[in-house]
């Protein structure tokens, strides 16, 4: 697309599939996601996720020397370690987008691409690619998660695209405020521009690998967070 004086790159060259290494279910679904990308002529790469091991959030080997990991702090002890690992996995794809300096597609392992997606929607935006609910309803209108009438966010972060401008803004927000909530709820509609043009993908997988907080065990949760981040 061209502005008055310069053009900017909207071409989508690759998808990055967040995969939990060593988790057979995750790896199996990620392989299915890769096959769906290949079917629609999209280059895809497995993107190793952060994982939980021995009550710690552990970075993949490829990221263990990345300084930005230490910039990000968890500010909410009610989040489970798997929620934090999921959040950091997405953060690492945002950093990858900035490193490549090109728009990319981000898939969680259980996403399925159903039609070609070759161009990012708009400058400094999140391109929402769809979800299972929209497939069931055959309705491509944008839907949002909602905590209340004033707090709306991206519903199901299983399949979306970003450009380097948006990647920078997402990273800036999490560095400034830390991990304050789950990933989906963090991507607020009043802060980030979320656009959907059609249904390009949907989520279709097993029970979530993310565990959610137990409000009956706050003391144990606090104890875990004293030593949650290990790289």
C-alpha atoms as a PDB file:
ATOM      1  CA  UNK A   1       0.000   0.000   0.000  1.00  0.00           C
ATOM      2  CA  UNK A   2       1.195   3.550  -0.751  1.00  0.00           C
ATOM      3  CA  UNK A   3       0.808   6.665   1.307  1.00  0.00           C
ATOM      4  CA  UNK A   4       1.234  10.107  -0.253  1.00  0.00           C
ATOM      5  CA  UNK A   5       5.019   9.781  -0.454  1.00  0.00           C
ATOM      6  CA  UNK A   6       6.093   6.274   0.464  1.00  0.00           C
ATOM      7  CA  UNK A   7       4.838   2.723   0.270  1.00  0.00           C
ATOM      8  CA  UNK A   8       4.898   0.309   3.176  1.00  0.00           C
ATOM      9  CA  UNK A   9       5.082  -3.462   3.064  1.00  0.00           C
ATOM     10  CA  UNK A  10       1.796  -5.287   3.698  1.00  0.00           C
ATOM     11  CA  UNK A  11       2.836  -8.609   2.148  1.00  0.00           C
ATOM     12  CA  UNK A  12       2.557 -11.648   4.399  1.00  0.00           C
ATOM     13  CA  UNK A  13       5.493 -13.972   3.755  1.00  0.00           C
ATOM     14  CA  UNK A  14       5.284 -16.343   6.696  1.00  0.00           C
ATOM     15  CA  UNK A  15       3.311 -17.755   9.595  1.00  0.00           C
ATOM     16  CA  UNK A  16       4.820 -18.617  12.974  1.00  0.00           C
ATOM     17  CA  UNK A  17       3.144 -21.465  14.838  1.00  0.00           C
ATOM     18  CA  UNK A  18       3.555 -21.432  18.615  1.00  0.00           C
ATOM     19  CA  UNK A  19       4.377 -24.998  19.625  1.00  0.00           C
ATOM     20  CA  UNK A  20       5.193 -26.599  22.969  1.00  0.00           C
ATOM     21  CA  UNK A  21       8.276 -28.696  22.266  1.00  0.00           C
ATOM     22  CA  UNK A  22       8.018 -32.199  23.671  1.00  0.00           C
ATOM     23  CA  UNK A  23       4.248 -32.004  24.058  1.00  0.00           C
ATOM     24  CA  UNK A  24       2.908 -34.602  21.639  1.00  0.00           C
ATOM     25  CA  UNK A  25      -0.532 -33.025  21.416  1.00  0.00           C
ATOM     26  CA  UNK A  26       0.885 -29.583  20.685  1.00  0.00           C
ATOM     27  CA  UNK A  27       3.340 -30.928  18.118  1.00  0.00           C
ATOM     28  CA  UNK A  28       0.639 -32.961  16.397  1.00  0.00           C
ATOM     29  CA  UNK A  29      -1.715 -30.009  16.069  1.00  0.00           C
ATOM     30  CA  UNK A  30       1.136 -27.754  14.977  1.00  0.00           C
ATOM     31  CA  UNK A  31       1.892 -30.197  12.182  1.00  0.00           C
ATOM     32  CA  UNK A  32      -1.738 -29.992  11.083  1.00  0.00           C
ATOM     33  CA  UNK A  33      -1.484 -26.193  11.132  1.00  0.00           C
ATOM     34  CA  UNK A  34       1.646 -26.345   8.956  1.00  0.00           C
ATOM     35  CA  UNK A  35      -0.153 -28.592   6.489  1.00  0.00           C
ATOM     36  CA  UNK A  36      -3.051 -26.149   6.256  1.00  0.00           C
ATOM     37  CA  UNK A  37      -0.550 -23.348   5.568  1.00  0.00           C
ATOM     38  CA  UNK A  38       1.149 -25.412   2.870  1.00  0.00           C
ATOM     39  CA  UNK A  39      -2.229 -26.095   1.269  1.00  0.00           C
ATOM     40  CA  UNK A  40      -2.764 -22.347   0.883  1.00  0.00           C
ATOM     41  CA  UNK A  41       0.811 -21.515  -0.169  1.00  0.00           C
ATOM     42  CA  UNK A  42       1.881 -19.875   3.064  1.00  0.00           C
ATOM     43  CA  UNK A  43       5.374 -20.528   4.383  1.00  0.00           C
ATOM     44  CA  UNK A  44       5.221 -21.521   8.051  1.00  0.00           C
ATOM     45  CA  UNK A  45       7.687 -22.084  10.861  1.00  0.00           C
ATOM     46  CA  UNK A  46       7.376 -23.750  14.232  1.00  0.00           C
ATOM     47  CA  UNK A  47       7.930 -21.185  16.976  1.00  0.00           C
ATOM     48  CA  UNK A  48       8.969 -22.864  20.206  1.00  0.00           C
ATOM     49  CA  UNK A  49       6.831 -21.789  23.160  1.00  0.00           C
ATOM     50  CA  UNK A  50       7.767 -20.953  26.712  1.00  0.00           C
ATOM     51  CA  UNK A  51       6.726 -23.830  28.948  1.00  0.00           C
ATOM     52  CA  UNK A  52       6.198 -24.687  32.593  1.00  0.00           C
ATOM     53  CA  UNK A  53       8.705 -27.048  34.186  1.00  0.00           C
ATOM     54  CA  UNK A  54       9.126 -27.747  37.899  1.00  0.00           C
ATOM     55  CA  UNK A  55       6.898 -24.805  38.847  1.00  0.00           C
ATOM     56  CA  UNK A  56       8.908 -22.393  36.726  1.00  0.00           C
ATOM     57  CA  UNK A  57       8.359 -20.628  33.418  1.00  0.00           C
ATOM     58  CA  UNK A  58      11.195 -21.764  31.181  1.00  0.00           C
ATOM     59  CA  UNK A  59      12.321 -20.046  27.984  1.00  0.00           C
ATOM     60  CA  UNK A  60      13.100 -22.131  24.881  1.00  0.00           C
ATOM     61  CA  UNK A  61      16.795 -22.642  24.198  1.00  0.00           C
ATOM     62  CA  UNK A  62      16.667 -20.279  21.230  1.00  0.00           C
ATOM     63  CA  UNK A  63      15.645 -17.396  23.503  1.00  0.00           C
ATOM     64  CA  UNK A  64      17.639 -18.042  26.664  1.00  0.00           C
ATOM     65  CA  UNK A  65      20.151 -15.292  25.880  1.00  0.00           C
ATOM     66  CA  UNK A  66      17.581 -12.705  24.835  1.00  0.00           C
ATOM     67  CA  UNK A  67      17.817  -9.697  27.129  1.00  0.00           C
ATOM     68  CA  UNK A  68      14.231  -8.565  26.561  1.00  0.00           C
ATOM     69  CA  UNK A  69      12.910 -11.498  28.595  1.00  0.00           C
ATOM     70  CA  UNK A  70      14.191  -9.850  31.774  1.00  0.00           C
ATOM     71  CA  UNK A  71      12.426  -6.592  30.919  1.00  0.00           C
ATOM     72  CA  UNK A  72       9.000  -8.181  31.329  1.00  0.00           C
ATOM     73  CA  UNK A  73       7.614  -8.699  34.810  1.00  0.00           C
ATOM     74  CA  UNK A  74       4.470 -10.450  35.924  1.00  0.00           C
ATOM     75  CA  UNK A  75       2.343  -8.003  37.925  1.00  0.00           C
ATOM     76  CA  UNK A  76      -0.534 -10.341  38.708  1.00  0.00           C
ATOM     77  CA  UNK A  77       0.124 -13.278  41.040  1.00  0.00           C
ATOM     78  CA  UNK A  78      -3.322 -14.715  40.311  1.00  0.00           C
ATOM     79  CA  UNK A  79      -2.229 -15.770  36.838  1.00  0.00           C
ATOM     80  CA  UNK A  80      -1.134 -19.374  36.539  1.00  0.00           C
ATOM     81  CA  UNK A  81       2.324 -20.200  35.262  1.00  0.00           C
ATOM     82  CA  UNK A  82       0.866 -21.665  32.077  1.00  0.00           C
ATOM     83  CA  UNK A  83      -0.980 -18.379  31.418  1.00  0.00           C
ATOM     84  CA  UNK A  84       2.306 -16.519  31.822  1.00  0.00           C
ATOM     85  CA  UNK A  85       4.104 -19.006  29.547  1.00  0.00           C
ATOM     86  CA  UNK A  86       1.421 -18.526  26.888  1.00  0.00           C
ATOM     87  CA  UNK A  87       1.722 -14.744  27.179  1.00  0.00           C
ATOM     88  CA  UNK A  88       5.512 -14.819  26.839  1.00  0.00           C
ATOM     89  CA  UNK A  89       5.257 -17.142  23.844  1.00  0.00           C
ATOM     90  CA  UNK A  90       3.201 -14.524  22.018  1.00  0.00           C
ATOM     91  CA  UNK A  91       5.560 -11.766  23.153  1.00  0.00           C
ATOM     92  CA  UNK A  92       8.421 -13.678  21.546  1.00  0.00           C
ATOM     93  CA  UNK A  93       6.546 -13.707  18.220  1.00  0.00           C
ATOM     94  CA  UNK A  94       6.087  -9.921  18.471  1.00  0.00           C
ATOM     95  CA  UNK A  95       9.832  -9.608  18.931  1.00  0.00           C
ATOM     96  CA  UNK A  96      10.312 -11.888  15.902  1.00  0.00           C
ATOM     97  CA  UNK A  97       8.113  -9.574  13.816  1.00  0.00           C
ATOM     98  CA  UNK A  98      10.300  -6.616  14.747  1.00  0.00           C
ATOM     99  CA  UNK A  99      13.435  -8.615  14.002  1.00  0.00           C
ATOM    100  CA  UNK A 100      12.131  -9.539  10.528  1.00  0.00           C
ATOM    101  CA  UNK A 101      10.765  -6.000  10.008  1.00  0.00           C
ATOM    102  CA  UNK A 102       7.833  -7.461   8.063  1.00  0.00           C
ATOM    103  CA  UNK A 103       4.201  -8.362   8.769  1.00  0.00           C
ATOM    104  CA  UNK A 104       3.744 -11.938   9.980  1.00  0.00           C
ATOM    105  CA  UNK A 105       0.912 -14.292  10.907  1.00  0.00           C
ATOM    106  CA  UNK A 106       0.884 -15.744  14.419  1.00  0.00           C
ATOM    107  CA  UNK A 107      -0.858 -19.068  14.981  1.00  0.00           C
ATOM    108  CA  UNK A 108      -1.325 -21.068  18.135  1.00  0.00           C
ATOM    109  CA  UNK A 109      -0.794 -24.774  17.505  1.00  0.00           C
ATOM    110  CA  UNK A 110      -4.501 -25.606  17.145  1.00  0.00           C
ATOM    111  CA  UNK A 111      -5.192 -23.049  14.400  1.00  0.00           C
ATOM    112  CA  UNK A 112      -6.222 -24.103  10.898  1.00  0.00           C
ATOM    113  CA  UNK A 113      -5.827 -21.854   7.856  1.00  0.00           C
ATOM    114  CA  UNK A 114      -8.789 -22.249   5.474  1.00  0.00           C
ATOM    115  CA  UNK A 115      -8.007 -19.745   2.710  1.00  0.00           C
ATOM    116  CA  UNK A 116      -5.005 -17.750   1.456  1.00  0.00           C
ATOM    117  CA  UNK A 117      -4.019 -14.728   3.517  1.00  0.00           C
ATOM    118  CA  UNK A 118      -1.396 -12.716   1.674  1.00  0.00           C
ATOM    119  CA  UNK A 119      -1.748  -9.093   2.769  1.00  0.00           C
ATOM    120  CA  UNK A 120      -1.835  -7.504   6.213  1.00  0.00           C
ATOM    121  CA  UNK A 121      -4.988  -5.479   6.816  1.00  0.00           C
ATOM    122  CA  UNK A 122      -3.595  -2.004   7.606  1.00  0.00           C
ATOM    123  CA  UNK A 123      -0.637  -0.139   9.019  1.00  0.00           C
ATOM    124  CA  UNK A 124      -0.195  -0.434  12.800  1.00  0.00           C
ATOM    125  CA  UNK A 125      -3.002  -2.935  13.239  1.00  0.00           C
ATOM    126  CA  UNK A 126      -3.855  -6.474  14.289  1.00  0.00           C
ATOM    127  CA  UNK A 127      -5.469  -8.565  11.577  1.00  0.00           C
ATOM    128  CA  UNK A 128      -7.906 -10.957  13.238  1.00  0.00           C
ATOM    129  CA  UNK A 129      -8.182 -14.110  11.108  1.00  0.00           C
ATOM    130  CA  UNK A 130     -11.189 -15.773  12.715  1.00  0.00           C
ATOM    131  CA  UNK A 131     -12.283 -18.352  15.278  1.00  0.00           C
ATOM    132  CA  UNK A 132     -14.387 -21.495  15.609  1.00  0.00           C
ATOM    133  CA  UNK A 133     -17.445 -19.559  16.791  1.00  0.00           C
ATOM    134  CA  UNK A 134     -17.483 -17.562  13.538  1.00  0.00           C
ATOM    135  CA  UNK A 135     -17.187 -20.760  11.507  1.00  0.00           C
ATOM    136  CA  UNK A 136     -20.129 -22.246  13.373  1.00  0.00           C
ATOM    137  CA  UNK A 137     -22.231 -19.128  12.822  1.00  0.00           C
ATOM    138  CA  UNK A 138     -20.857 -18.442   9.332  1.00  0.00           C
ATOM    139  CA  UNK A 139     -20.548 -14.819  10.385  1.00  0.00           C
ATOM    140  CA  UNK A 140     -17.370 -12.831   9.717  1.00  0.00           C
ATOM    141  CA  UNK A 141     -18.326  -9.840  11.823  1.00  0.00           C
ATOM    142  CA  UNK A 142     -15.655  -8.967  14.368  1.00  0.00           C
ATOM    143  CA  UNK A 143     -16.407 -10.232  17.861  1.00  0.00           C
ATOM    144  CA  UNK A 144     -14.720  -9.249  21.111  1.00  0.00           C
ATOM    145  CA  UNK A 145     -14.155 -10.764  24.490  1.00  0.00           C
ATOM    146  CA  UNK A 146     -15.676  -8.612  27.191  1.00  0.00           C
ATOM    147  CA  UNK A 147     -15.071  -8.221  30.922  1.00  0.00           C
ATOM    148  CA  UNK A 148     -17.645  -5.447  31.184  1.00  0.00           C
ATOM    149  CA  UNK A 149     -19.240  -2.842  28.928  1.00  0.00           C
ATOM    150  CA  UNK A 150     -16.058  -0.750  28.981  1.00  0.00           C
ATOM    151  CA  UNK A 151     -13.451  -3.499  28.630  1.00  0.00           C
ATOM    152  CA  UNK A 152     -13.371  -5.323  25.296  1.00  0.00           C
ATOM    153  CA  UNK A 153     -10.462  -7.300  23.939  1.00  0.00           C
ATOM    154  CA  UNK A 154      -9.419  -9.667  21.165  1.00  0.00           C
ATOM    155  CA  UNK A 155     -11.446 -12.857  21.414  1.00  0.00           C
ATOM    156  CA  UNK A 156      -9.257 -15.977  21.085  1.00  0.00           C
ATOM    157  CA  UNK A 157      -5.720 -15.088  20.066  1.00  0.00           C
ATOM    158  CA  UNK A 158      -5.324 -18.272  18.015  1.00  0.00           C
ATOM    159  CA  UNK A 159      -4.814 -16.652  14.616  1.00  0.00           C
ATOM    160  CA  UNK A 160      -3.839 -13.069  13.849  1.00  0.00           C
ATOM    161  CA  UNK A 161      -1.371 -10.968  11.905  1.00  0.00           C
ATOM    162  CA  UNK A 162       0.698  -7.980  12.995  1.00  0.00           C
ATOM    163  CA  UNK A 163       3.147  -5.593  11.366  1.00  0.00           C
ATOM    164  CA  UNK A 164       6.330  -4.165  12.944  1.00  0.00           C
ATOM    165  CA  UNK A 165       4.503  -0.998  14.030  1.00  0.00           C
ATOM    166  CA  UNK A 166       1.963  -2.992  15.995  1.00  0.00           C
ATOM    167  CA  UNK A 167       4.639  -5.358  17.299  1.00  0.00           C
ATOM    168  CA  UNK A 168       6.508  -2.358  18.725  1.00  0.00           C
ATOM    169  CA  UNK A 169       3.365  -1.033  20.405  1.00  0.00           C
ATOM    170  CA  UNK A 170       2.439  -4.415  21.892  1.00  0.00           C
ATOM    171  CA  UNK A 171       5.958  -4.852  23.235  1.00  0.00           C
ATOM    172  CA  UNK A 172       6.040  -1.300  24.594  1.00  0.00           C
ATOM    173  CA  UNK A 173       2.792  -1.879  26.457  1.00  0.00           C
ATOM    174  CA  UNK A 174       3.935  -5.094  28.113  1.00  0.00           C
ATOM    175  CA  UNK A 175       7.376  -3.686  28.997  1.00  0.00           C
ATOM    176  CA  UNK A 176       5.764  -0.593  30.546  1.00  0.00           C
ATOM    177  CA  UNK A 177       2.958  -2.277  32.487  1.00  0.00           C
ATOM    178  CA  UNK A 178       4.099  -5.882  32.764  1.00  0.00           C
ATOM    179  CA  UNK A 179       1.908  -8.963  32.448  1.00  0.00           C
ATOM    180  CA  UNK A 180      -1.264  -7.836  34.157  1.00  0.00           C
ATOM    181  CA  UNK A 181      -3.828 -10.271  32.760  1.00  0.00           C
ATOM    182  CA  UNK A 182      -4.235 -13.149  30.319  1.00  0.00           C
ATOM    183  CA  UNK A 183      -2.997 -12.603  26.770  1.00  0.00           C
ATOM    184  CA  UNK A 184      -6.420 -12.188  25.157  1.00  0.00           C
ATOM    185  CA  UNK A 185      -7.575  -9.649  27.750  1.00  0.00           C
ATOM    186  CA  UNK A 186      -4.290  -7.742  27.395  1.00  0.00           C
ATOM    187  CA  UNK A 187      -4.998  -6.980  23.715  1.00  0.00           C
ATOM    188  CA  UNK A 188      -7.601  -4.334  24.462  1.00  0.00           C
ATOM    189  CA  UNK A 189      -9.760  -2.944  21.677  1.00  0.00           C
ATOM    190  CA  UNK A 190      -9.526   0.593  23.080  1.00  0.00           C
ATOM    191  CA  UNK A 191      -5.718   0.544  22.845  1.00  0.00           C
ATOM    192  CA  UNK A 192      -4.925  -1.624  19.826  1.00  0.00           C
ATOM    193  CA  UNK A 193      -6.544  -1.436  16.399  1.00  0.00           C
ATOM    194  CA  UNK A 194      -8.075  -4.870  15.668  1.00  0.00           C
ATOM    195  CA  UNK A 195      -9.494  -5.420  12.185  1.00  0.00           C
ATOM    196  CA  UNK A 196     -11.186  -8.390  10.557  1.00  0.00           C
ATOM    197  CA  UNK A 197     -11.962  -8.604   6.843  1.00  0.00           C
ATOM    198  CA  UNK A 198     -13.010 -12.236   6.528  1.00  0.00           C
ATOM    199  CA  UNK A 199     -12.675 -15.653   8.144  1.00  0.00           C
ATOM    200  CA  UNK A 200      -9.263 -16.997   7.137  1.00  0.00           C
ATOM    201  CA  UNK A 201      -8.602 -19.380  10.015  1.00  0.00           C
ATOM    202  CA  UNK A 202     -10.151 -20.883  13.110  1.00  0.00           C
ATOM    203  CA  UNK A 203      -9.181 -22.752  16.261  1.00  0.00           C
ATOM    204  CA  UNK A 204      -9.916 -26.463  16.445  1.00  0.00           C
ATOM    205  CA  UNK A 205      -7.994 -28.341  19.037  1.00  0.00           C
ATOM    206  CA  UNK A 206      -7.892 -30.234  22.301  1.00  0.00           C
ATOM    207  CA  UNK A 207      -8.659 -28.968  25.763  1.00  0.00           C
ATOM    208  CA  UNK A 208      -6.475 -25.926  26.354  1.00  0.00           C
ATOM    209  CA  UNK A 209      -2.919 -26.475  27.578  1.00  0.00           C
ATOM    210  CA  UNK A 210      -3.430 -23.392  29.769  1.00  0.00           C
ATOM    211  CA  UNK A 211      -4.556 -23.921  33.347  1.00  0.00           C
ATOM    212  CA  UNK A 212      -6.552 -21.163  34.992  1.00  0.00           C
ATOM    213  CA  UNK A 213      -6.162 -19.779  38.493  1.00  0.00           C
ATOM    214  CA  UNK A 214      -7.624 -21.445  41.539  1.00  0.00           C
ATOM    215  CA  UNK A 215      -8.757 -18.706  43.889  1.00  0.00           C
ATOM    216  CA  UNK A 216      -8.649 -21.158  46.803  1.00  0.00           C
ATOM    217  CA  UNK A 217      -4.879 -21.419  46.690  1.00  0.00           C
ATOM    218  CA  UNK A 218      -3.609 -17.842  46.702  1.00  0.00           C
ATOM    219  CA  UNK A 219      -0.732 -18.584  49.105  1.00  0.00           C
ATOM    220  CA  UNK A 220       0.692 -21.319  46.866  1.00  0.00           C
ATOM    221  CA  UNK A 221       0.313 -19.051  43.826  1.00  0.00           C
ATOM    222  CA  UNK A 222       2.306 -16.287  45.544  1.00  0.00           C
ATOM    223  CA  UNK A 223       5.037 -18.752  46.510  1.00  0.00           C
ATOM    224  CA  UNK A 224       5.425 -19.940  42.920  1.00  0.00           C
ATOM    225  CA  UNK A 225       5.766 -16.397  41.625  1.00  0.00           C
ATOM    226  CA  UNK A 226       8.731 -15.698  43.848  1.00  0.00           C
ATOM    227  CA  UNK A 227      10.751 -17.892  41.490  1.00  0.00           C
ATOM    228  CA  UNK A 228       8.600 -18.132  38.380  1.00  0.00           C
ATOM    229  CA  UNK A 229      10.933 -16.875  35.654  1.00  0.00           C
ATOM    230  CA  UNK A 230      13.959 -18.974  34.811  1.00  0.00           C
ATOM    231  CA  UNK A 231      15.926 -18.561  31.588  1.00  0.00           C
END
